[in-house]
Amino acid sequence: VPAIRALSLEVAAGEIVGLIGPNGAGKSTTLHAIVG
């Protein structure tokens, strides 16, 4: 089951960037992938 598909995003130094979407959209999975 694909949880994240071809996702690209950027955060510059000093920024606060939001990530929103409905339940099951893949938000937590994105964070978990970033931290390994």
Full PDB file with SEQRES, HELIX, SHEET, SSBOND, CRYST1, ORIGX, SCALE, CONECT and MASTER records, all heavy atoms in Angstrom:
SEQRES   1 A   36  VAL PRO ALA ILE ARG ALA LEU SER LEU GLU VAL ALA ALA          
SEQRES   2 A   36  GLY GLU ILE VAL GLY LEU ILE GLY PRO ASN GLY ALA GLY          
SEQRES   3 A   36  LYS SER THR THR LEU HIS ALA ILE VAL GLY                      
HELIX    1 AA1 LYS A   27  ILE A   34  1                                   8    
CRYST1    1.000    1.000    1.000  90.00  90.00  90.00 P 1           1          
ORIGX1      1.000000  0.000000  0.000000        0.00000                         
ORIGX2      0.000000  1.000000  0.000000        0.00000                         
ORIGX3      0.000000  0.000000  1.000000        0.00000                         
SCALE1      1.000000  0.000000  0.000000        0.00000                         
SCALE2      0.000000  1.000000  0.000000        0.00000                         
SCALE3      0.000000  0.000000  1.000000        0.00000                         
ATOM      1  N   VAL A   1       0.843  -1.194   0.000  1.00  0.00           N  
ATOM      2  CA  VAL A   1       0.000   0.000   0.000  1.00  0.00           C  
ATOM      3  C   VAL A   1       0.881   1.247   0.000  1.00  0.00           C  
ATOM      4  O   VAL A   1       1.656   1.463   0.939  1.00  0.00           O  
ATOM      5  CB  VAL A   1      -0.929   0.012   1.232  1.00  0.00           C  
ATOM      6  CG1 VAL A   1      -1.791   1.278   1.227  1.00  0.00           C  
ATOM      7  CG2 VAL A   1      -1.792  -1.236   1.264  1.00  0.00           C  
ATOM      8  N   PRO A   2       0.769   2.104  -1.022  1.00  0.00           N  
ATOM      9  CA  PRO A   2       1.558   3.341  -1.023  1.00  0.00           C  
ATOM     10  C   PRO A   2       1.000   4.324  -0.001  1.00  0.00           C  
ATOM     11  O   PRO A   2      -0.193   4.613   0.031  1.00  0.00           O  
ATOM     12  CB  PRO A   2       1.397   3.861  -2.453  1.00  0.00           C  
ATOM     13  CG  PRO A   2       0.121   3.265  -2.945  1.00  0.00           C  
ATOM     14  CD  PRO A   2      -0.011   1.935  -2.258  1.00  0.00           C  
ATOM     15  N   ALA A   3       1.885   4.844   0.856  1.00  0.00           N  
ATOM     16  CA  ALA A   3       1.486   5.830   1.863  1.00  0.00           C  
ATOM     17  C   ALA A   3       1.883   7.242   1.463  1.00  0.00           C  
ATOM     18  O   ALA A   3       1.190   8.204   1.776  1.00  0.00           O  
ATOM     19  CB  ALA A   3       2.101   5.479   3.209  1.00  0.00           C  
ATOM     20  N   ILE A   4       3.016   7.362   0.777  1.00  0.00           N  
ATOM     21  CA  ILE A   4       3.517   8.641   0.278  1.00  0.00           C  
ATOM     22  C   ILE A   4       3.922   8.435  -1.172  1.00  0.00           C  
ATOM     23  O   ILE A   4       4.611   7.474  -1.504  1.00  0.00           O  
ATOM     24  CB  ILE A   4       4.732   9.134   1.094  1.00  0.00           C  
ATOM     25  CG1 ILE A   4       4.357   9.385   2.549  1.00  0.00           C  
ATOM     26  CG2 ILE A   4       5.308  10.405   0.472  1.00  0.00           C  
ATOM     27  CD1 ILE A   4       3.436  10.552   2.758  1.00  0.00           C  
ATOM     28  N   ARG A   5       3.522   9.361  -2.030  1.00  0.00           N  
ATOM     29  CA  ARG A   5       3.826   9.233  -3.454  1.00  0.00           C  
ATOM     30  C   ARG A   5       4.530  10.491  -3.958  1.00  0.00           C  
ATOM     31  O   ARG A   5       3.945  11.576  -3.955  1.00  0.00           O  
ATOM     32  CB  ARG A   5       2.545   9.035  -4.274  1.00  0.00           C  
ATOM     33  CG  ARG A   5       1.687   7.843  -3.895  1.00  0.00           C  
ATOM     34  CD  ARG A   5       0.430   7.825  -4.765  1.00  0.00           C  
ATOM     35  NE  ARG A   5      -0.485   6.753  -4.413  1.00  0.00           N  
ATOM     36  CZ  ARG A   5      -1.444   6.855  -3.498  1.00  0.00           C  
ATOM     37  NH1 ARG A   5      -1.589   7.995  -2.815  1.00  0.00           N  
ATOM     38  NH2 ARG A   5      -2.251   5.853  -3.236  1.00  0.00           N  
ATOM     39  N   ALA A   6       5.776  10.337  -4.367  1.00  0.00           N  
ATOM     40  CA  ALA A   6       6.531  11.391  -5.056  1.00  0.00           C  
ATOM     41  C   ALA A   6       6.423  12.740  -4.345  1.00  0.00           C  
ATOM     42  O   ALA A   6       6.237  13.782  -4.978  1.00  0.00           O  
ATOM     43  CB  ALA A   6       6.057  11.522  -6.506  1.00  0.00           C  
ATOM     44  N   LEU A   7       6.575  12.731  -3.036  1.00  0.00           N  
ATOM     45  CA  LEU A   7       6.419  13.952  -2.249  1.00  0.00           C  
ATOM     46  C   LEU A   7       7.709  14.755  -2.231  1.00  0.00           C  
ATOM     47  O   LEU A   7       8.776  14.225  -1.925  1.00  0.00           O  
ATOM     48  CB  LEU A   7       6.013  13.598  -0.813  1.00  0.00           C  
ATOM     49  CG  LEU A   7       5.904  14.777   0.154  1.00  0.00           C  
ATOM     50  CD1 LEU A   7       4.808  15.738  -0.278  1.00  0.00           C  
ATOM     51  CD2 LEU A   7       5.658  14.283   1.575  1.00  0.00           C  
ATOM     52  N   SER A   8       7.585  16.030  -2.536  1.00  0.00           N  
ATOM     53  CA  SER A   8       8.716  16.952  -2.443  1.00  0.00           C  
ATOM     54  C   SER A   8       8.282  18.184  -1.660  1.00  0.00           C  
ATOM     55  O   SER A   8       7.193  18.732  -1.900  1.00  0.00           O  
ATOM     56  CB  SER A   8       9.201  17.373  -3.830  1.00  0.00           C  
ATOM     57  OG  SER A   8       9.730  16.260  -4.549  1.00  0.00           O  
ATOM     58  N   LEU A   9       9.121  18.589  -0.719  1.00  0.00           N  
ATOM     59  CA  LEU A   9       8.881  19.828   0.025  1.00  0.00           C  
ATOM     60  C   LEU A   9      10.213  20.356   0.524  1.00  0.00           C  
ATOM     61  O   LEU A   9      11.199  19.619   0.603  1.00  0.00           O  
ATOM     62  CB  LEU A   9       7.891  19.613   1.177  1.00  0.00           C  
ATOM     63  CG  LEU A   9       8.226  18.596   2.275  1.00  0.00           C  
ATOM     64  CD1 LEU A   9       9.118  19.202   3.367  1.00  0.00           C  
ATOM     65  CD2 LEU A   9       6.950  18.079   2.912  1.00  0.00           C  
ATOM     66  N   GLU A  10      10.239  21.651   0.852  1.00  0.00           N  
ATOM     67  CA  GLU A  10      11.466  22.299   1.293  1.00  0.00           C  
ATOM     68  C   GLU A  10      11.180  23.196   2.497  1.00  0.00           C  
ATOM     69  O   GLU A  10      10.105  23.799   2.594  1.00  0.00           O  
ATOM     70  CB  GLU A  10      12.071  23.141   0.161  1.00  0.00           C  
ATOM     71  CG  GLU A  10      12.520  22.322  -1.040  1.00  0.00           C  
ATOM     72  CD  GLU A  10      13.151  23.180  -2.118  1.00  0.00           C  
ATOM     73  OE1 GLU A  10      13.012  24.435  -2.056  1.00  0.00           O  
ATOM     74  OE2 GLU A  10      13.794  22.616  -3.023  1.00  0.00           O  
ATOM     75  N   VAL A  11      12.160  23.272   3.389  1.00  0.00           N  
ATOM     76  CA  VAL A  11      12.087  24.150   4.554  1.00  0.00           C  
ATOM     77  C   VAL A  11      13.418  24.883   4.651  1.00  0.00           C  
ATOM     78  O   VAL A  11      14.462  24.248   4.822  1.00  0.00           O  
ATOM     79  CB  VAL A  11      11.815  23.368   5.858  1.00  0.00           C  
ATOM     80  CG1 VAL A  11      11.562  24.340   7.009  1.00  0.00           C  
ATOM     81  CG2 VAL A  11      10.638  22.405   5.696  1.00  0.00           C  
ATOM     82  N   ALA A  12      13.379  26.201   4.521  1.00  0.00           N  
ATOM     83  CA  ALA A  12      14.608  26.993   4.618  1.00  0.00           C  
ATOM     84  C   ALA A  12      14.949  27.248   6.076  1.00  0.00           C  
ATOM     85  O   ALA A  12      14.082  27.182   6.962  1.00  0.00           O  
ATOM     86  CB  ALA A  12      14.448  28.316   3.877  1.00  0.00           C  
ATOM     87  N   ALA A  13      16.201  27.537   6.343  1.00  0.00           N  
ATOM     88  CA  ALA A  13      16.638  27.841   7.704  1.00  0.00           C  
ATOM     89  C   ALA A  13      15.835  29.013   8.255  1.00  0.00           C  
ATOM     90  O   ALA A  13      15.661  30.031   7.584  1.00  0.00           O  
ATOM     91  CB  ALA A  13      18.128  28.164   7.708  1.00  0.00           C  
ATOM     92  N   GLY A  14      15.329  28.851   9.472  1.00  0.00           N  
ATOM     93  CA  GLY A  14      14.578  29.910  10.128  1.00  0.00           C  
ATOM     94  C   GLY A  14      13.103  29.943   9.815  1.00  0.00           C  
ATOM     95  O   GLY A  14      12.377  30.763  10.381  1.00  0.00           O  
ATOM     96  N   GLU A  15      12.642  29.057   8.952  1.00  0.00           N  
ATOM     97  CA  GLU A  15      11.221  29.038   8.612  1.00  0.00           C  
ATOM     98  C   GLU A  15      10.413  28.178   9.579  1.00  0.00           C  
ATOM     99  O   GLU A  15      10.941  27.258  10.217  1.00  0.00           O  
ATOM    100  CB  GLU A  15      11.010  28.481   7.207  1.00  0.00           C  
ATOM    101  CG  GLU A  15      11.355  29.427   6.084  1.00  0.00           C  
ATOM    102  CD  GLU A  15      10.879  28.905   4.740  1.00  0.00           C  
ATOM    103  OE1 GLU A  15      11.060  27.705   4.453  1.00  0.00           O  
ATOM    104  OE2 GLU A  15      10.336  29.706   3.972  1.00  0.00           O  
ATOM    105  N   ILE A  16       9.122  28.480   9.651  1.00  0.00           N  
ATOM    106  CA  ILE A  16       8.128  27.557  10.188  1.00  0.00           C  
ATOM    107  C   ILE A  16       7.236  27.167   9.019  1.00  0.00           C  
ATOM    108  O   ILE A  16       6.597  28.024   8.394  1.00  0.00           O  
ATOM    109  CB  ILE A  16       7.281  28.187  11.302  1.00  0.00           C  
ATOM    110  CG1 ILE A  16       8.143  28.521  12.521  1.00  0.00           C  
ATOM    111  CG2 ILE A  16       6.143  27.261  11.705  1.00  0.00           C  
ATOM    112  CD1 ILE A  16       7.389  29.219  13.641  1.00  0.00           C  
ATOM    113  N   VAL A  17       7.222  25.888   8.686  1.00  0.00           N  
ATOM    114  CA  VAL A  17       6.446  25.382   7.556  1.00  0.00           C  
ATOM    115  C   VAL A  17       5.412  24.401   8.076  1.00  0.00           C  
ATOM    116  O   VAL A  17       5.723  23.540   8.905  1.00  0.00           O  
ATOM    117  CB  VAL A  17       7.369  24.715   6.509  1.00  0.00           C  
ATOM    118  CG1 VAL A  17       6.559  24.002   5.438  1.00  0.00           C  
ATOM    119  CG2 VAL A  17       8.266  25.770   5.872  1.00  0.00           C  
ATOM    120  N   GLY A  18       4.171  24.550   7.616  1.00  0.00           N  
ATOM    121  CA  GLY A  18       3.094  23.668   8.031  1.00  0.00           C  
ATOM    122  C   GLY A  18       2.888  22.509   7.073  1.00  0.00           C  
ATOM    123  O   GLY A  18       3.243  22.585   5.896  1.00  0.00           O  
ATOM    124  N   LEU A  19       2.313  21.437   7.609  1.00  0.00           N  
ATOM    125  CA  LEU A  19       1.946  20.270   6.814  1.00  0.00           C  
ATOM    126  C   LEU A  19       0.582  19.811   7.315  1.00  0.00           C  
ATOM    127  O   LEU A  19       0.461  19.359   8.459  1.00  0.00           O  
ATOM    128  CB  LEU A  19       2.992  19.168   6.980  1.00  0.00           C  
ATOM    129  CG  LEU A  19       2.870  17.923   6.098  1.00  0.00           C  
ATOM    130  CD1 LEU A  19       2.956  18.295   4.625  1.00  0.00           C  
ATOM    131  CD2 LEU A  19       3.942  16.895   6.452  1.00  0.00           C  
ATOM    132  N   ILE A  20      -0.456  19.983   6.489  1.00  0.00           N  
ATOM    133  CA  ILE A  20      -1.815  19.671   6.901  1.00  0.00           C  
ATOM    134  C   ILE A  20      -2.465  18.713   5.909  1.00  0.00           C  
ATOM    135  O   ILE A  20      -1.931  18.434   4.848  1.00  0.00           O  
ATOM    136  CB  ILE A  20      -2.681  20.947   7.044  1.00  0.00           C  
ATOM    137  CG1 ILE A  20      -2.846  21.645   5.690  1.00  0.00           C  
ATOM    138  CG2 ILE A  20      -2.078  21.890   8.074  1.00  0.00           C  
ATOM    139  CD1 ILE A  20      -3.832  22.809   5.717  1.00  0.00           C  
ATOM    140  N   GLY A  21      -3.646  18.238   6.284  1.00  0.00           N  
ATOM    141  CA  GLY A  21      -4.405  17.323   5.447  1.00  0.00           C  
ATOM    142  C   GLY A  21      -5.280  16.448   6.319  1.00  0.00           C  
ATOM    143  O   GLY A  21      -5.109  16.407   7.544  1.00  0.00           O  
ATOM    144  N   PRO A  22      -6.212  15.750   5.720  1.00  0.00           N  
ATOM    145  CA  PRO A  22      -7.118  14.912   6.502  1.00  0.00           C  
ATOM    146  C   PRO A  22      -6.398  13.714   7.108  1.00  0.00           C  
ATOM    147  O   PRO A  22      -5.243  13.416   6.765  1.00  0.00           O  
ATOM    148  CB  PRO A  22      -8.160  14.467   5.474  1.00  0.00           C  
ATOM    149  CG  PRO A  22      -7.450  14.554   4.158  1.00  0.00           C  
ATOM    150  CD  PRO A  22      -6.504  15.708   4.275  1.00  0.00           C  
ATOM    151  N   ASN A  23      -7.072  13.029   8.010  1.00  0.00           N  
ATOM    152  CA  ASN A  23      -6.509  11.806   8.590  1.00  0.00           C  
ATOM    153  C   ASN A  23      -6.173  10.814   7.490  1.00  0.00           C  
ATOM    154  O   ASN A  23      -6.948  10.618   6.552  1.00  0.00           O  
ATOM    155  CB  ASN A  23      -7.495  11.178   9.572  1.00  0.00           C  
ATOM    156  CG  ASN A  23      -7.653  11.984  10.847  1.00  0.00           C  
ATOM    157  OD1 ASN A  23      -6.755  12.724  11.224  1.00  0.00           O  
ATOM    158  ND2 ASN A  23      -8.796  11.838  11.502  1.00  0.00           N  
ATOM    159  N   GLY A  24      -5.019  10.175   7.616  1.00  0.00           N  
ATOM    160  CA  GLY A  24      -4.595   9.199   6.617  1.00  0.00           C  
ATOM    161  C   GLY A  24      -3.937   9.801   5.393  1.00  0.00           C  
ATOM    162  O   GLY A  24      -3.615   9.074   4.447  1.00  0.00           O  
ATOM    163  N   ALA A  25      -3.701  11.120   5.417  1.00  0.00           N  
ATOM    164  CA  ALA A  25      -3.113  11.774   4.244  1.00  0.00           C  
ATOM    165  C   ALA A  25      -1.633  11.482   4.092  1.00  0.00           C  
ATOM    166  O   ALA A  25      -1.071  11.656   3.005  1.00  0.00           O  
ATOM    167  CB  ALA A  25      -3.339  13.281   4.320  1.00  0.00           C  
ATOM    168  N   GLY A  26      -0.970  11.060   5.191  1.00  0.00           N  
ATOM    169  CA  GLY A  26       0.456  10.762   5.123  1.00  0.00           C  
ATOM    170  C   GLY A  26       1.330  11.748   5.870  1.00  0.00           C  
ATOM    171  O   GLY A  26       2.559  11.727   5.708  1.00  0.00           O  
ATOM    172  N   LYS A  27       0.731  12.570   6.705  1.00  0.00           N  
ATOM    173  CA  LYS A  27       1.508  13.598   7.414  1.00  0.00           C  
ATOM    174  C   LYS A  27       2.513  12.981   8.384  1.00  0.00           C  
ATOM    175  O   LYS A  27       3.703  13.301   8.359  1.00  0.00           O  
ATOM    176  CB  LYS A  27       0.555  14.540   8.166  1.00  0.00           C  
ATOM    177  CG  LYS A  27      -0.516  15.180   7.288  1.00  0.00           C  
ATOM    178  CD  LYS A  27      -1.385  16.153   8.056  1.00  0.00           C  
ATOM    179  CE  LYS A  27      -2.174  15.518   9.195  1.00  0.00           C  
ATOM    180  NZ  LYS A  27      -3.157  14.516   8.730  1.00  0.00           N  
ATOM    181  N   SER A  28       2.023  12.105   9.267  1.00  0.00           N  
ATOM    182  CA  SER A  28       2.931  11.472  10.230  1.00  0.00           C  
ATOM    183  C   SER A  28       3.956  10.598   9.535  1.00  0.00           C  
ATOM    184  O   SER A  28       5.131  10.553   9.937  1.00  0.00           O  
ATOM    185  CB  SER A  28       2.134  10.649  11.249  1.00  0.00           C  
ATOM    186  OG  SER A  28       1.307  11.462  12.046  1.00  0.00           O  
ATOM    187  N   THR A  29       3.535   9.911   8.484  1.00  0.00           N  
ATOM    188  CA  THR A  29       4.470   9.073   7.732  1.00  0.00           C  
ATOM    189  C   THR A  29       5.610   9.903   7.154  1.00  0.00           C  
ATOM    190  O   THR A  29       6.769   9.480   7.144  1.00  0.00           O  
ATOM    191  CB  THR A  29       3.735   8.327   6.609  1.00  0.00           C  
ATOM    192  OG1 THR A  29       2.764   7.447   7.181  1.00  0.00           O  
ATOM    193  CG2 THR A  29       4.699   7.513   5.764  1.00  0.00           C  
ATOM    194  N   THR A  30       5.285  11.113   6.696  1.00  0.00           N  
ATOM    195  CA  THR A  30       6.322  12.002   6.170  1.00  0.00           C  
ATOM    196  C   THR A  30       7.362  12.306   7.243  1.00  0.00           C  
ATOM    197  O   THR A  30       8.574  12.214   6.996  1.00  0.00           O  
ATOM    198  CB  THR A  30       5.694  13.303   5.660  1.00  0.00           C  
ATOM    199  OG1 THR A  30       4.777  13.003   4.599  1.00  0.00           O  
ATOM    200  CG2 THR A  30       6.763  14.256   5.153  1.00  0.00           C  
ATOM    201  N   LEU A  31       6.904  12.664   8.446  1.00  0.00           N  
ATOM    202  CA  LEU A  31       7.844  12.950   9.534  1.00  0.00           C  
ATOM    203  C   LEU A  31       8.663  11.715   9.886  1.00  0.00           C  
ATOM    204  O   LEU A  31       9.874  11.803  10.113  1.00  0.00           O  
ATOM    205  CB  LEU A  31       7.095  13.445  10.765  1.00  0.00           C  
ATOM    206  CG  LEU A  31       6.301  14.743  10.631  1.00  0.00           C  
ATOM    207  CD1 LEU A  31       5.804  15.206  11.997  1.00  0.00           C  
ATOM    208  CD2 LEU A  31       7.105  15.844   9.959  1.00  0.00           C  
ATOM    209  N   HIS A  32       8.006  10.561   9.934  1.00  0.00           N  
ATOM    210  CA  HIS A  32       8.708   9.326  10.287  1.00  0.00           C  
ATOM    211  C   HIS A  32       9.760   8.972   9.240  1.00  0.00           C  
ATOM    212  O   HIS A  32      10.830   8.453   9.580  1.00  0.00           O  
ATOM    213  CB  HIS A  32       7.718   8.186  10.452  1.00  0.00           C  
ATOM    214  CG  HIS A  32       6.815   8.347  11.639  1.00  0.00           C  
ATOM    215  ND1 HIS A  32       5.718   7.546  11.857  1.00  0.00           N  
ATOM    216  CD2 HIS A  32       6.857   9.219  12.674  1.00  0.00           C  
ATOM    217  CE1 HIS A  32       5.118   7.924  12.972  1.00  0.00           C  
ATOM    218  NE2 HIS A  32       5.794   8.940  13.491  1.00  0.00           N  
ATOM    219  N   ALA A  33       9.467   9.257   7.979  1.00  0.00           N  
ATOM    220  CA  ALA A  33      10.458   8.993   6.927  1.00  0.00           C  
ATOM    221  C   ALA A  33      11.644   9.942   7.050  1.00  0.00           C  
ATOM    222  O   ALA A  33      12.797   9.543   6.847  1.00  0.00           O  
ATOM    223  CB  ALA A  33       9.807   9.120   5.556  1.00  0.00           C  
ATOM    224  N   ILE A  34      11.386  11.187   7.409  1.00  0.00           N  
ATOM    225  CA  ILE A  34      12.471  12.160   7.542  1.00  0.00           C  
ATOM    226  C   ILE A  34      13.449  11.730   8.632  1.00  0.00           C  
ATOM    227  O   ILE A  34      14.667  11.844   8.463  1.00  0.00           O  
ATOM    228  CB  ILE A  34      11.896  13.557   7.842  1.00  0.00           C  
ATOM    229  CG1 ILE A  34      11.171  14.116   6.612  1.00  0.00           C  
ATOM    230  CG2 ILE A  34      13.013  14.521   8.277  1.00  0.00           C  
ATOM    231  CD1 ILE A  34      10.397  15.398   6.874  1.00  0.00           C  
ATOM    232  N   VAL A  35      12.928  11.220   9.750  1.00  0.00           N  
ATOM    233  CA  VAL A  35      13.813  10.851  10.871  1.00  0.00           C  
ATOM    234  C   VAL A  35      14.250   9.390  10.821  1.00  0.00           C  
ATOM    235  O   VAL A  35      14.878   8.901  11.757  1.00  0.00           O  
ATOM    236  CB  VAL A  35      13.158  11.169  12.230  1.00  0.00           C  
ATOM    237  CG1 VAL A  35      12.876  12.647  12.347  1.00  0.00           C  
ATOM    238  CG2 VAL A  35      11.882  10.350  12.448  1.00  0.00           C  
ATOM    239  N   GLY A  36      13.934   8.678   9.744  1.00  0.00           N  
ATOM    240  CA  GLY A  36      14.446   7.328   9.568  1.00  0.00           C  
ATOM    241  C   GLY A  36      13.666   6.230  10.250  1.00  0.00           C  
ATOM    242  O   GLY A  36      14.141   5.089  10.327  1.00  0.00           O  
TER     243      GLY A  36                                                      
MASTER        0    0    0    1    0    0    0    6  242    1    0    3          
END                                                                             
